[in-house]
Amino acid sequence: MRLWSIHPKYLDRIGLVAVWREGLLAKRVLEGKTRGYRNHPQLLRFKEYDRPLDLIDAYLFQIYLEARRRGYSFDSSKIRDIELLGVLEVTRGQLEFEFAHLLRKLEMRDREKFEELKNLDPKDIEPNPIFMVIEGRVERWEKSSIS
């Protein structure tokens, strides 16, 4: 499960569809509707928020908005339209880590998107709008080796 902290505009088609599906799975976990993934590290920051279901819906709403901007038809009935902007902190180190991870994926599966993004300064990477960027290293919940 990868719930990207980076803005969904950086994701390729495969990544955007995957984060939508994985976000919906995360929502089911937070609702207590599934037994799997309950202790997944990617869910910690959502679980620690005082209203985790609002936060995951706000997160997914941003994914939905990006999909709509691209002309995709994600089913908005699966989430509530909640706009929480900058309510959760994410470190600059986490954004840079995720962006580097995304570039490795794109280099293999979507050369056009890779070429579009490869020269961006990692310091300029924007987060999903629910996050507010603070200085710091990779987040404590991030797996040390990722696939």
C-alpha atoms as a PDB file:
ATOM      1  CA  MET A   1       0.000   0.000   0.000  1.00  0.00           C
ATOM      2  CA  ARG A   2       1.370   3.395  -0.988  1.00  0.00           C
ATOM      3  CA  LEU A   3      -0.570   6.470   0.077  1.00  0.00           C
ATOM      4  CA  TRP A   4       1.583   9.063  -1.640  1.00  0.00           C
ATOM      5  CA  SER A   5       2.320  12.301   0.203  1.00  0.00           C
ATOM      6  CA  ILE A   6       3.317  13.983  -3.052  1.00  0.00           C
ATOM      7  CA  HIS A   7       0.688  15.821  -5.077  1.00  0.00           C
ATOM      8  CA  PRO A   8      -1.281  13.430  -7.308  1.00  0.00           C
ATOM      9  CA  LYS A   9      -0.411  15.541 -10.366  1.00  0.00           C
ATOM     10  CA  TYR A  10       2.996  13.830 -10.409  1.00  0.00           C
ATOM     11  CA  LEU A  11       1.533  10.342 -10.710  1.00  0.00           C
ATOM     12  CA  ASP A  12       1.172   8.580 -14.016  1.00  0.00           C
ATOM     13  CA  ARG A  13      -2.092   6.910 -14.996  1.00  0.00           C
ATOM     14  CA  ILE A  14      -1.124   3.632 -13.323  1.00  0.00           C
ATOM     15  CA  GLY A  15      -0.048   5.393 -10.134  1.00  0.00           C
ATOM     16  CA  LEU A  16      -3.198   7.503  -9.947  1.00  0.00           C
ATOM     17  CA  VAL A  17      -5.485   4.497 -10.371  1.00  0.00           C
ATOM     18  CA  ALA A  18      -3.444   2.524  -7.829  1.00  0.00           C
ATOM     19  CA  VAL A  19      -3.522   5.256  -5.171  1.00  0.00           C
ATOM     20  CA  TRP A  20      -7.296   5.597  -5.634  1.00  0.00           C
ATOM     21  CA  ARG A  21      -7.780   1.843  -5.094  1.00  0.00           C
ATOM     22  CA  GLU A  22      -5.325   1.722  -2.187  1.00  0.00           C
ATOM     23  CA  GLY A  23      -6.879   4.811  -0.624  1.00  0.00           C
ATOM     24  CA  LEU A  24     -10.301   3.185  -0.786  1.00  0.00           C
ATOM     25  CA  LEU A  25      -8.826   0.093   0.866  1.00  0.00           C
ATOM     26  CA  ALA A  26      -7.307   2.326   3.558  1.00  0.00           C
ATOM     27  CA  LYS A  27     -10.718   3.878   4.100  1.00  0.00           C
ATOM     28  CA  ARG A  28     -12.246   0.419   4.624  1.00  0.00           C
ATOM     29  CA  VAL A  29      -9.499  -0.368   7.136  1.00  0.00           C
ATOM     30  CA  LEU A  30     -10.160   2.878   9.033  1.00  0.00           C
ATOM     31  CA  GLU A  31     -13.893   2.100   9.023  1.00  0.00           C
ATOM     32  CA  GLY A  32     -13.153  -1.319  10.531  1.00  0.00           C
ATOM     33  CA  LYS A  33     -14.630  -3.081   7.496  1.00  0.00           C
ATOM     34  CA  THR A  34     -11.647  -5.297   6.715  1.00  0.00           C
ATOM     35  CA  ARG A  35      -9.230  -7.322   8.784  1.00  0.00           C
ATOM     36  CA  GLY A  36      -6.174  -6.915   6.590  1.00  0.00           C
ATOM     37  CA  TYR A  37      -3.744  -3.993   6.616  1.00  0.00           C
ATOM     38  CA  ARG A  38      -4.875  -2.780  10.061  1.00  0.00           C
ATOM     39  CA  ASN A  39      -1.298  -2.151  11.175  1.00  0.00           C
ATOM     40  CA  HIS A  40       0.130  -0.997   7.879  1.00  0.00           C
ATOM     41  CA  PRO A  41       2.719   1.776   8.428  1.00  0.00           C
ATOM     42  CA  GLN A  42       1.166   3.964   5.717  1.00  0.00           C
ATOM     43  CA  LEU A  43      -1.992   4.226   7.840  1.00  0.00           C
ATOM     44  CA  LEU A  44      -0.322   5.534  10.995  1.00  0.00           C
ATOM     45  CA  ARG A  45      -0.605   9.208  10.126  1.00  0.00           C
ATOM     46  CA  PHE A  46      -4.277   8.781   9.266  1.00  0.00           C
ATOM     47  CA  LYS A  47      -5.007   6.810  12.444  1.00  0.00           C
ATOM     48  CA  GLU A  48      -3.258   9.439  14.581  1.00  0.00           C
ATOM     49  CA  TYR A  49      -5.422  12.260  13.223  1.00  0.00           C
ATOM     50  CA  ASP A  50      -8.412  13.139  15.443  1.00  0.00           C
ATOM     51  CA  ARG A  51     -10.888  12.415  12.604  1.00  0.00           C
ATOM     52  CA  PRO A  52      -9.243   9.685  10.492  1.00  0.00           C
ATOM     53  CA  LEU A  53     -12.257   9.095   8.234  1.00  0.00           C
ATOM     54  CA  ASP A  54     -12.506  12.786   7.405  1.00  0.00           C
ATOM     55  CA  LEU A  55      -8.792  12.813   6.640  1.00  0.00           C
ATOM     56  CA  ILE A  56      -8.862   9.790   4.330  1.00  0.00           C
ATOM     57  CA  ASP A  57     -11.876  11.226   2.495  1.00  0.00           C
ATOM     58  CA  ALA A  58     -10.073  14.565   2.131  1.00  0.00           C
ATOM     59  CA  TYR A  59      -7.010  12.710   0.841  1.00  0.00           C
ATOM     60  CA  LEU A  60      -9.103  10.742  -1.657  1.00  0.00           C
ATOM     61  CA  PHE A  61     -10.979  13.895  -2.675  1.00  0.00           C
ATOM     62  CA  GLN A  62      -7.679  15.364  -3.880  1.00  0.00           C
ATOM     63  CA  ILE A  63      -7.005  12.166  -5.855  1.00  0.00           C
ATOM     64  CA  TYR A  64     -10.504  12.400  -7.312  1.00  0.00           C
ATOM     65  CA  LEU A  65      -9.968  16.050  -8.325  1.00  0.00           C
ATOM     66  CA  GLU A  66      -6.766  15.147 -10.176  1.00  0.00           C
ATOM     67  CA  ALA A  67      -8.489  12.235 -11.914  1.00  0.00           C
ATOM     68  CA  ARG A  68     -11.354  14.512 -12.965  1.00  0.00           C
ATOM     69  CA  ARG A  69      -8.854  17.110 -14.230  1.00  0.00           C
ATOM     70  CA  ARG A  70      -7.400  14.393 -16.492  1.00  0.00           C
ATOM     71  CA  GLY A  71     -10.814  13.312 -17.746  1.00  0.00           C
ATOM     72  CA  TYR A  72     -10.966  10.049 -15.779  1.00  0.00           C
ATOM     73  CA  SER A  73     -14.230   8.959 -14.209  1.00  0.00           C
ATOM     74  CA  PHE A  74     -13.503   7.838 -10.658  1.00  0.00           C
ATOM     75  CA  ASP A  75     -16.636   7.068  -8.634  1.00  0.00           C
ATOM     76  CA  SER A  76     -17.013  10.035  -6.274  1.00  0.00           C
ATOM     77  CA  SER A  77     -19.876   8.310  -4.445  1.00  0.00           C
ATOM     78  CA  LYS A  78     -17.232   6.238  -2.634  1.00  0.00           C
ATOM     79  CA  ILE A  79     -16.016   9.305  -0.699  1.00  0.00           C
ATOM     80  CA  ARG A  80     -17.350  12.451   0.898  1.00  0.00           C
ATOM     81  CA  ASP A  81     -16.233  15.754  -0.640  1.00  0.00           C
ATOM     82  CA  ILE A  82     -14.140  17.039   2.229  1.00  0.00           C
ATOM     83  CA  GLU A  83     -11.525  19.720   1.763  1.00  0.00           C
ATOM     84  CA  LEU A  84      -9.040  19.694   4.586  1.00  0.00           C
ATOM     85  CA  LEU A  85      -6.036  21.668   3.413  1.00  0.00           C
ATOM     86  CA  GLY A  86      -2.700  21.623   5.205  1.00  0.00           C
ATOM     87  CA  VAL A  87      -4.062  19.831   8.266  1.00  0.00           C
ATOM     88  CA  LEU A  88      -1.342  17.211   8.555  1.00  0.00           C
ATOM     89  CA  GLU A  89       2.413  17.677   8.488  1.00  0.00           C
ATOM     90  CA  VAL A  90       4.742  15.867   6.119  1.00  0.00           C
ATOM     91  CA  THR A  91       8.496  16.304   6.090  1.00  0.00           C
ATOM     92  CA  ARG A  92      10.437  17.635   3.140  1.00  0.00           C
ATOM     93  CA  GLY A  93      12.588  14.500   3.403  1.00  0.00           C
ATOM     94  CA  GLN A  94       9.511  12.307   2.943  1.00  0.00           C
ATOM     95  CA  LEU A  95       8.434  14.187  -0.181  1.00  0.00           C
ATOM     96  CA  GLU A  96      11.911  13.916  -1.663  1.00  0.00           C
ATOM     97  CA  PHE A  97      12.059  10.196  -0.801  1.00  0.00           C
ATOM     98  CA  GLU A  98       8.684   9.530  -2.427  1.00  0.00           C
ATOM     99  CA  PHE A  99       9.500  11.578  -5.507  1.00  0.00           C
ATOM    100  CA  ALA A 100      12.749   9.637  -6.027  1.00  0.00           C
ATOM    101  CA  HIS A 101      10.781   6.404  -5.567  1.00  0.00           C
ATOM    102  CA  LEU A 102       8.214   7.548  -8.131  1.00  0.00           C
ATOM    103  CA  LEU A 103      10.926   8.466 -10.633  1.00  0.00           C
ATOM    104  CA  ARG A 104      12.394   4.953 -10.364  1.00  0.00           C
ATOM    105  CA  LYS A 105       8.962   3.499 -11.112  1.00  0.00           C
ATOM    106  CA  LEU A 106       8.308   5.898 -13.994  1.00  0.00           C
ATOM    107  CA  GLU A 107      11.667   5.212 -15.599  1.00  0.00           C
ATOM    108  CA  MET A 108      10.513   1.615 -16.082  1.00  0.00           C
ATOM    109  CA  ARG A 109       6.812   2.007 -16.890  1.00  0.00           C
ATOM    110  CA  ASP A 110       6.144   5.507 -18.292  1.00  0.00           C
ATOM    111  CA  ARG A 111       9.130   7.125 -20.009  1.00  0.00           C
ATOM    112  CA  GLU A 112       7.093  10.141 -21.126  1.00  0.00           C
ATOM    113  CA  LYS A 113       6.047  10.995 -17.556  1.00  0.00           C
ATOM    114  CA  PHE A 114       9.584  10.267 -16.373  1.00  0.00           C
ATOM    115  CA  GLU A 115      11.018  12.731 -18.916  1.00  0.00           C
ATOM    116  CA  GLU A 116       8.439  15.329 -17.838  1.00  0.00           C
ATOM    117  CA  LEU A 117       9.425  15.071 -14.164  1.00  0.00           C
ATOM    118  CA  LYS A 118      13.083  14.025 -14.043  1.00  0.00           C
ATOM    119  CA  ASN A 119      14.534  17.539 -13.965  1.00  0.00           C
ATOM    120  CA  LEU A 120      12.245  18.945 -11.278  1.00  0.00           C
ATOM    121  CA  ASP A 121      14.116  20.182  -8.240  1.00  0.00           C
ATOM    122  CA  PRO A 122      13.158  17.849  -5.365  1.00  0.00           C
ATOM    123  CA  LYS A 123      12.874  20.924  -3.132  1.00  0.00           C
ATOM    124  CA  ASP A 124       9.986  22.151  -5.334  1.00  0.00           C
ATOM    125  CA  ILE A 125       7.885  18.985  -5.047  1.00  0.00           C
ATOM    126  CA  GLU A 126       4.392  19.798  -3.796  1.00  0.00           C
ATOM    127  CA  PRO A 127       2.443  17.616  -1.371  1.00  0.00           C
ATOM    128  CA  ASN A 128      -1.091  16.353  -1.625  1.00  0.00           C
ATOM    129  CA  PRO A 129      -2.959  19.500  -0.472  1.00  0.00           C
ATOM    130  CA  ILE A 130      -4.022  17.873   2.817  1.00  0.00           C
ATOM    131  CA  PHE A 131      -0.385  18.105   3.924  1.00  0.00           C
ATOM    132  CA  MET A 132       1.676  21.025   5.151  1.00  0.00           C
ATOM    133  CA  VAL A 133       5.408  20.648   4.500  1.00  0.00           C
ATOM    134  CA  ILE A 134       7.842  20.944   7.386  1.00  0.00           C
ATOM    135  CA  GLU A 135      11.583  20.416   7.438  1.00  0.00           C
ATOM    136  CA  GLY A 136      12.746  16.960   8.386  1.00  0.00           C
ATOM    137  CA  ARG A 137      13.956  13.587   7.256  1.00  0.00           C
ATOM    138  CA  VAL A 138      12.007  10.629   5.931  1.00  0.00           C
ATOM    139  CA  GLU A 139       8.985   9.934   8.151  1.00  0.00           C
ATOM    140  CA  ARG A 140       9.257   7.311  10.905  1.00  0.00           C
ATOM    141  CA  TRP A 141       6.453   5.208   9.422  1.00  0.00           C
ATOM    142  CA  GLU A 142       8.158   4.834   6.033  1.00  0.00           C
ATOM    143  CA  LYS A 143       9.504   1.356   5.311  1.00  0.00           C
ATOM    144  CA  SER A 144      13.294   1.347   5.165  1.00  0.00           C
ATOM    145  CA  SER A 145      13.326  -0.639   1.938  1.00  0.00           C
ATOM    146  CA  ILE A 146      10.440  -0.233  -0.468  1.00  0.00           C
ATOM    147  CA  SER A 147       9.434  -1.925  -3.667  1.00  0.00           C
END
